[in-house]
């Protein structure tokens, strides 16, 4: 696809055979919302036997998982709590809102652009729904910053990727990295008591949707890889290595982007790794945070069929690093 800019986003226009989920027109009661919450966190296939990567069963059950765990209510159901001045200041001062909104904007476009290139209808539909949910996340964040008066840099037009597969790989692996640390940071924020429970409760379904997204991505990678010829596989693996190098370089320092007015904006792409202090009133050491990230990562995936592959690069790297980290001495 040639390079184009995006002014509006419509998954159904980009992928004609995709139909956006029909959402309830009335406000659901608490019982309906809670039932949907449970449903989105637990899924087990009734199909017997293993899910061999690249097989028809693997494809079908991966897509069925994503479709059947869709949450029609939350994070659509949002009641932004009134915040005390000190809490509001703490939230407004977090250096994440520009990059969070723009990341979701890029993710929705990249996922939809890649989904449009897939011949297999079920996987195309799953990735299209993923793009639709990323757009919902962007809308959630946009409504939040508006509700709390958070000033954002103006968004530059989003550009269609020249290489849709590369863009999807960058987005997918980036989400695997960021979600792993975000799970831990979200727990730190919850435990700290610095943020009202209502606000934590509002963002909880967004965190679980990110878990579903990277679960889909991990299984797409395995399914896609298994279907490639040997020479296509070599090309693909080289591209994956290049993506990891790119993401590592990106997280070394601040990202520099240009806003809609042509002004340079500096953004911290590495906040999910180094932002514990910003969401906790107490000091937390690296080892403790890594342990918490592993626990939360395992917990969020625990409700899904064990035969589905999990994103395992970050957990493996962190478990290896923990071997060389000493426990903090209690004074």
Protein backbone atom coordinates (compact mmCIF):
# COMPACT_ATOMS: atom_id res chain seq x y z
CA UNK A 1 0.00 0.00 0.00
CA UNK A 2 1.42 3.40 -0.93
CA UNK A 3 2.05 5.94 1.82
CA UNK A 4 -1.13 7.80 2.69
CA UNK A 5 -2.31 9.78 5.67
CA UNK A 6 -5.37 8.96 7.74
CA UNK A 7 -7.83 11.66 8.77
CA UNK A 8 -10.61 9.36 10.01
CA UNK A 9 -10.52 5.72 11.04
CA UNK A 10 -13.07 3.16 9.88
CA UNK A 11 -12.13 -0.53 10.06
CA UNK A 12 -15.16 -1.53 8.01
CA UNK A 13 -14.07 0.75 5.19
CA UNK A 14 -10.52 -0.63 5.25
CA UNK A 15 -11.69 -4.26 5.51
CA UNK A 16 -15.04 -4.50 3.68
CA UNK A 17 -15.96 -7.98 4.95
CA UNK A 18 -15.54 -6.94 8.60
CA UNK A 19 -18.57 -5.88 10.60
CA UNK A 20 -17.94 -3.87 13.74
CA UNK A 21 -19.42 -5.33 16.96
CA UNK A 22 -22.98 -4.33 17.73
CA UNK A 23 -22.92 -2.58 21.10
CA UNK A 24 -25.87 -2.28 23.47
CA UNK A 25 -27.78 0.97 23.09
CA UNK A 26 -28.91 0.97 26.72
CA UNK A 27 -26.69 1.23 29.78
CA UNK A 28 -26.05 -2.30 31.11
CA UNK A 29 -26.62 -3.07 34.76
CA UNK A 30 -23.80 -4.14 37.08
CA UNK A 31 -24.64 -7.82 36.77
CA UNK A 32 -24.27 -7.72 32.98
CA UNK A 33 -20.97 -5.84 33.20
CA UNK A 34 -19.57 -8.28 35.79
CA UNK A 35 -20.60 -11.27 33.67
CA UNK A 36 -18.85 -9.78 30.65
CA UNK A 37 -15.74 -9.20 32.79
CA UNK A 38 -15.61 -12.85 33.77
CA UNK A 39 -16.22 -13.96 30.19
CA UNK A 40 -13.37 -11.86 28.79
CA UNK A 41 -10.87 -13.38 31.27
CA UNK A 42 -11.72 -17.08 30.92
CA UNK A 43 -11.84 -19.20 27.81
CA UNK A 44 -11.27 -22.90 27.23
CA UNK A 45 -11.72 -24.75 23.97
CA UNK A 46 -13.85 -27.89 23.93
CA UNK A 47 -11.70 -29.32 21.14
CA UNK A 48 -9.57 -32.26 22.28
CA UNK A 49 -5.86 -32.57 21.62
CA UNK A 50 -3.01 -30.11 21.08
CA UNK A 51 -3.14 -26.97 18.97
CA UNK A 52 -0.34 -27.62 16.50
CA UNK A 53 1.05 -24.31 15.28
CA UNK A 54 -0.18 -23.51 11.78
CA UNK A 55 -2.94 -26.12 11.84
CA UNK A 56 -6.57 -25.47 11.03
CA UNK A 57 -7.46 -26.16 14.67
CA UNK A 58 -4.88 -23.66 15.90
CA UNK A 59 -6.24 -21.03 13.55
CA UNK A 60 -9.87 -21.67 14.36
CA UNK A 61 -9.49 -21.82 18.14
CA UNK A 62 -7.22 -18.77 18.31
CA UNK A 63 -9.74 -16.69 16.41
CA UNK A 64 -12.65 -18.15 18.36
CA UNK A 65 -10.95 -17.25 21.63
CA UNK A 66 -10.54 -13.66 20.54
CA UNK A 67 -14.08 -13.39 19.24
CA UNK A 68 -15.78 -15.07 22.22
CA UNK A 69 -13.87 -13.12 24.88
CA UNK A 70 -14.85 -9.75 23.40
CA UNK A 71 -16.23 -7.41 26.06
CA UNK A 72 -19.17 -5.43 24.62
CA UNK A 73 -19.58 -3.17 27.66
CA UNK A 74 -16.24 -2.22 29.08
CA UNK A 75 -14.19 -0.18 28.47
CA UNK A 76 -17.18 1.40 26.71
CA UNK A 77 -18.90 1.96 30.08
CA UNK A 78 -16.93 4.80 31.63
CA UNK A 79 -17.71 6.91 34.66
CA UNK A 80 -14.78 9.22 35.26
CA UNK A 81 -14.56 9.77 39.04
CA UNK A 82 -14.08 13.21 40.49
CA UNK A 83 -10.48 13.49 41.67
CA UNK A 84 -8.96 15.30 44.60
CA UNK A 85 -6.57 18.09 43.53
CA UNK A 86 -3.40 16.19 44.54
CA UNK A 87 -4.51 13.06 42.67
CA UNK A 88 -5.46 15.09 39.61
CA UNK A 89 -2.04 16.78 39.63
CA UNK A 90 -0.32 13.41 39.91
CA UNK A 91 -2.20 12.05 36.92
CA UNK A 92 -1.79 15.16 34.79
CA UNK A 93 1.96 15.17 35.44
CA UNK A 94 2.53 11.59 34.23
CA UNK A 95 4.64 11.82 31.05
CA UNK A 96 2.65 9.23 29.17
CA UNK A 97 -0.50 10.72 27.73
CA UNK A 98 0.78 11.99 24.39
CA UNK A 99 2.54 8.75 23.55
CA UNK A 100 -0.35 6.64 24.89
CA UNK A 101 -2.93 8.30 22.65
CA UNK A 102 -0.62 8.32 19.63
CA UNK A 103 0.46 4.72 20.18
CA UNK A 104 -3.15 3.56 20.07
CA UNK A 105 -3.69 5.66 16.96
CA UNK A 106 -0.76 4.01 15.21
CA UNK A 107 -1.69 0.53 16.46
CA UNK A 108 -5.26 0.64 15.12
CA UNK A 109 -4.04 1.70 11.68
CA UNK A 110 -1.16 -0.76 11.48
CA UNK A 111 -3.33 -3.69 12.57
CA UNK A 112 -6.08 -2.82 10.13
CA UNK A 113 -3.56 -2.29 7.32
CA UNK A 114 -2.01 -5.69 7.90
CA UNK A 115 -5.38 -7.42 8.39
CA UNK A 116 -6.39 -6.18 4.93
CA UNK A 117 -3.49 -8.15 3.41
CA UNK A 118 -4.47 -11.51 4.97
CA UNK A 119 -6.25 -14.00 2.73
CA UNK A 120 -7.50 -16.22 5.55
CA UNK A 121 -10.93 -14.84 6.50
CA UNK A 122 -11.00 -15.87 10.18
CA UNK A 123 -7.60 -14.41 11.00
CA UNK A 124 -8.38 -11.28 8.98
CA UNK A 125 -11.54 -10.80 11.02
CA UNK A 126 -9.72 -11.34 14.34
CA UNK A 127 -7.04 -8.77 13.49
CA UNK A 128 -9.71 -6.35 12.29
CA UNK A 129 -11.50 -6.70 15.64
CA UNK A 130 -8.13 -6.12 17.34
CA UNK A 131 -7.80 -2.87 15.35
CA UNK A 132 -11.35 -1.89 16.34
CA UNK A 133 -10.52 -2.45 20.01
CA UNK A 134 -7.34 -0.37 19.69
CA UNK A 135 -9.50 2.42 18.33
CA UNK A 136 -11.76 2.04 21.36
CA UNK A 137 -8.71 2.36 23.62
CA UNK A 138 -7.77 5.57 21.85
CA UNK A 139 -11.27 6.92 22.37
CA UNK A 140 -11.11 5.98 26.07
CA UNK A 141 -7.83 7.83 26.52
CA UNK A 142 -9.08 10.82 24.54
CA UNK A 143 -12.18 11.08 26.72
CA UNK A 144 -10.07 10.77 29.85
CA UNK A 145 -7.67 13.57 28.96
CA UNK A 146 -10.66 15.74 28.06
CA UNK A 147 -12.40 14.92 31.37
CA UNK A 148 -9.36 15.81 33.45
CA UNK A 149 -8.07 18.72 31.41
CA UNK A 150 -4.83 17.03 30.35
CA UNK A 151 -3.12 19.00 27.59
CA UNK A 152 -1.86 16.96 24.66
CA UNK A 153 0.32 17.81 21.74
CA UNK A 154 -1.75 18.02 18.57
CA UNK A 155 -1.72 14.73 16.69
CA UNK A 156 0.01 14.64 13.35
CA UNK A 157 -1.85 12.71 10.61
CA UNK A 158 -1.38 8.96 10.88
CA UNK A 159 0.46 7.47 7.90
CA UNK A 160 -0.36 4.15 6.26
CA UNK A 161 2.65 1.84 6.56
CA UNK A 162 4.60 1.07 3.41
CA UNK A 163 5.37 -2.40 4.76
CA UNK A 164 2.23 -3.58 6.56
CA UNK A 165 3.85 -6.75 7.94
CA UNK A 166 6.81 -4.82 9.39
CA UNK A 167 4.45 -2.29 10.99
CA UNK A 168 2.31 -5.05 12.49
CA UNK A 169 5.36 -6.85 13.89
CA UNK A 170 6.66 -3.62 15.43
CA UNK A 171 3.27 -2.95 17.02
CA UNK A 172 2.76 -6.54 18.21
CA UNK A 173 6.18 -7.01 19.79
CA UNK A 174 6.08 -3.50 21.24
CA UNK A 175 2.77 -4.33 22.93
CA UNK A 176 4.28 -7.55 24.29
CA UNK A 177 7.08 -5.53 25.93
CA UNK A 178 4.94 -2.68 27.19
CA UNK A 179 2.07 -4.83 28.44
CA UNK A 180 4.41 -7.05 30.46
CA UNK A 181 5.70 -4.06 32.42
CA UNK A 182 2.35 -2.27 32.42
CA UNK A 183 0.73 -5.22 34.21
CA UNK A 184 3.22 -4.80 37.04
CA UNK A 185 2.97 -1.00 37.13
CA UNK A 186 -0.81 -1.20 37.21
CA UNK A 187 -0.58 -3.46 40.26
CA UNK A 188 1.88 -1.05 41.90
CA UNK A 189 -0.58 1.81 41.29
CA UNK A 190 -3.38 -0.29 42.76
CA UNK A 191 -1.41 -1.17 45.88
CA UNK A 192 -0.09 2.35 46.43
CA UNK A 193 -3.51 3.79 47.16
CA UNK A 194 -2.46 7.01 45.42
CA UNK A 195 -5.19 6.61 42.83
CA UNK A 196 -8.90 6.22 43.64
CA UNK A 197 -10.31 2.69 43.28
CA UNK A 198 -12.88 3.99 40.79
CA UNK A 199 -10.12 5.08 38.41
CA UNK A 200 -8.26 1.78 38.77
CA UNK A 201 -11.53 -0.06 38.12
CA UNK A 202 -12.14 2.03 34.99
CA UNK A 203 -8.81 1.05 33.42
CA UNK A 204 -8.82 -2.61 34.51
CA UNK A 205 -10.72 -3.86 31.41
CA UNK A 206 -8.31 -1.95 29.16
CA UNK A 207 -5.40 -3.83 30.73
CA UNK A 208 -7.15 -7.17 30.19
CA UNK A 209 -7.89 -6.31 26.58
CA UNK A 210 -4.18 -5.69 26.06
CA UNK A 211 -3.59 -9.19 27.46
CA UNK A 212 -5.98 -10.60 24.85
CA UNK A 213 -4.27 -8.59 22.12
CA UNK A 214 -0.81 -9.98 22.79
CA UNK A 215 -2.24 -13.48 23.22
CA UNK A 216 -3.69 -13.16 19.72
CA UNK A 217 -0.40 -11.76 18.42
CA UNK A 218 1.69 -14.61 19.88
CA UNK A 219 -0.56 -17.19 18.25
CA UNK A 220 -0.65 -15.29 14.96
CA UNK A 221 3.18 -15.33 14.90
CA UNK A 222 3.24 -19.10 15.44
CA UNK A 223 0.46 -19.72 12.90
CA UNK A 224 2.05 -17.44 10.30
CA UNK A 225 5.56 -18.82 10.81
CA UNK A 226 4.41 -22.43 10.42
CA UNK A 227 2.78 -21.70 7.06
CA UNK A 228 5.89 -20.20 5.44
CA UNK A 229 8.21 -22.00 3.06
CA UNK A 230 11.84 -22.36 4.13
CA UNK A 231 12.99 -19.31 2.18
CA UNK A 232 10.03 -17.24 3.35
CA UNK A 233 10.79 -18.37 6.88
CA UNK A 234 14.39 -17.09 6.65
CA UNK A 235 13.15 -13.72 5.43
CA UNK A 236 10.55 -13.57 8.18
CA UNK A 237 13.00 -14.46 10.96
CA UNK A 238 15.43 -11.80 9.75
CA UNK A 239 12.60 -9.28 9.84
CA UNK A 240 11.69 -10.33 13.41
CA UNK A 241 15.32 -9.87 14.51
CA UNK A 242 15.36 -6.44 12.87
CA UNK A 243 12.16 -5.51 14.71
CA UNK A 244 13.68 -6.44 18.08
CA UNK A 245 16.81 -4.41 17.29
CA UNK A 246 14.62 -1.46 16.31
CA UNK A 247 12.56 -1.71 19.50
CA UNK A 248 15.68 -2.00 21.65
CA UNK A 249 17.16 1.11 20.05
CA UNK A 250 13.86 2.96 20.38
CA UNK A 251 13.79 2.34 24.12
CA UNK A 252 17.31 3.57 24.79
CA UNK A 253 16.18 7.16 25.03
CA UNK A 254 13.45 9.63 24.28
CA UNK A 255 11.50 9.35 21.07
CA UNK A 256 11.21 12.50 19.02
CA UNK A 257 8.06 13.10 17.01
CA UNK A 258 6.61 16.01 15.08
CA UNK A 259 3.16 17.25 16.02
CA UNK A 260 0.53 18.64 13.65
CA UNK A 261 2.08 22.11 13.81
CA UNK A 262 5.55 20.82 12.93
CA UNK A 263 6.93 21.18 16.47
CA UNK A 264 9.25 18.53 17.89
CA UNK A 265 7.85 16.58 20.86
CA UNK A 266 9.95 14.37 23.13
CA UNK A 267 8.26 11.26 24.49
CA UNK A 268 9.39 8.59 26.91
CA UNK A 269 8.99 5.27 25.08
CA UNK A 270 10.41 3.50 28.11
CA UNK A 271 7.98 4.66 30.80
CA UNK A 272 6.61 1.16 31.33
CA UNK A 273 10.10 0.06 32.39
CA UNK A 274 11.13 2.99 34.58
CA UNK A 275 7.83 4.50 35.74
CA UNK A 276 7.29 2.67 39.04
CA UNK A 277 8.19 5.69 41.15
CA UNK A 278 5.62 7.81 39.35
CA UNK A 279 2.73 5.56 40.34
CA UNK A 280 3.85 4.65 43.86
CA UNK A 281 4.50 6.74 46.92
CA UNK A 282 7.12 4.28 48.14
CA UNK A 283 10.41 3.27 46.59
CA UNK A 284 10.32 -0.04 44.74
CA UNK A 285 13.49 -1.74 43.60
CA UNK A 286 13.98 -3.27 40.16
CA UNK A 287 13.95 -6.88 41.39
CA UNK A 288 10.69 -6.40 43.26
CA UNK A 289 9.08 -4.79 40.23
CA UNK A 290 10.25 -7.58 37.91
CA UNK A 291 8.84 -10.22 40.25
CA UNK A 292 5.54 -8.38 40.35
CA UNK A 293 5.46 -8.10 36.54
CA UNK A 294 5.95 -11.87 36.25
CA UNK A 295 3.21 -12.58 38.78
CA UNK A 296 0.73 -10.25 37.11
CA UNK A 297 1.62 -11.54 33.66
CA UNK A 298 0.96 -15.13 34.74
CA UNK A 299 -2.26 -14.14 36.47
CA UNK A 300 -3.71 -12.30 33.49
CA UNK A 301 -3.07 -15.23 31.15
CA UNK A 302 -4.17 -17.91 33.63
CA UNK A 303 -7.80 -17.96 32.53
CA UNK A 304 -7.12 -18.83 28.88
CA UNK A 305 -6.71 -22.30 27.41
CA UNK A 306 -3.17 -23.50 28.16
CA UNK A 307 -2.80 -24.82 24.61
CA UNK A 308 -2.73 -21.28 23.28
CA UNK A 309 0.81 -19.92 23.10
CA UNK A 310 1.76 -17.06 25.41
CA UNK A 311 4.14 -14.18 24.62
CA UNK A 312 7.24 -15.53 26.33
CA UNK A 313 10.22 -13.37 25.32
CA UNK A 314 9.93 -10.80 28.11
CA UNK A 315 9.11 -13.36 30.85
CA UNK A 316 12.11 -15.46 29.79
CA UNK A 317 14.45 -12.46 29.70
CA UNK A 318 13.28 -11.23 33.09
CA UNK A 319 13.55 -14.67 34.71
CA UNK A 320 17.11 -14.93 33.36
CA UNK A 321 17.97 -11.44 34.67
CA UNK A 322 16.52 -12.25 38.10
CA UNK A 323 19.20 -14.91 38.57
CA UNK A 324 21.74 -12.11 38.84
CA UNK A 325 19.70 -9.73 41.00
CA UNK A 326 20.14 -9.89 44.74
CA UNK A 327 17.19 -9.51 47.03
CA UNK A 328 16.97 -6.14 48.71
CA UNK A 329 18.15 -6.32 52.30
CA UNK A 330 15.63 -5.31 54.90
CA UNK A 331 17.10 -2.67 57.19
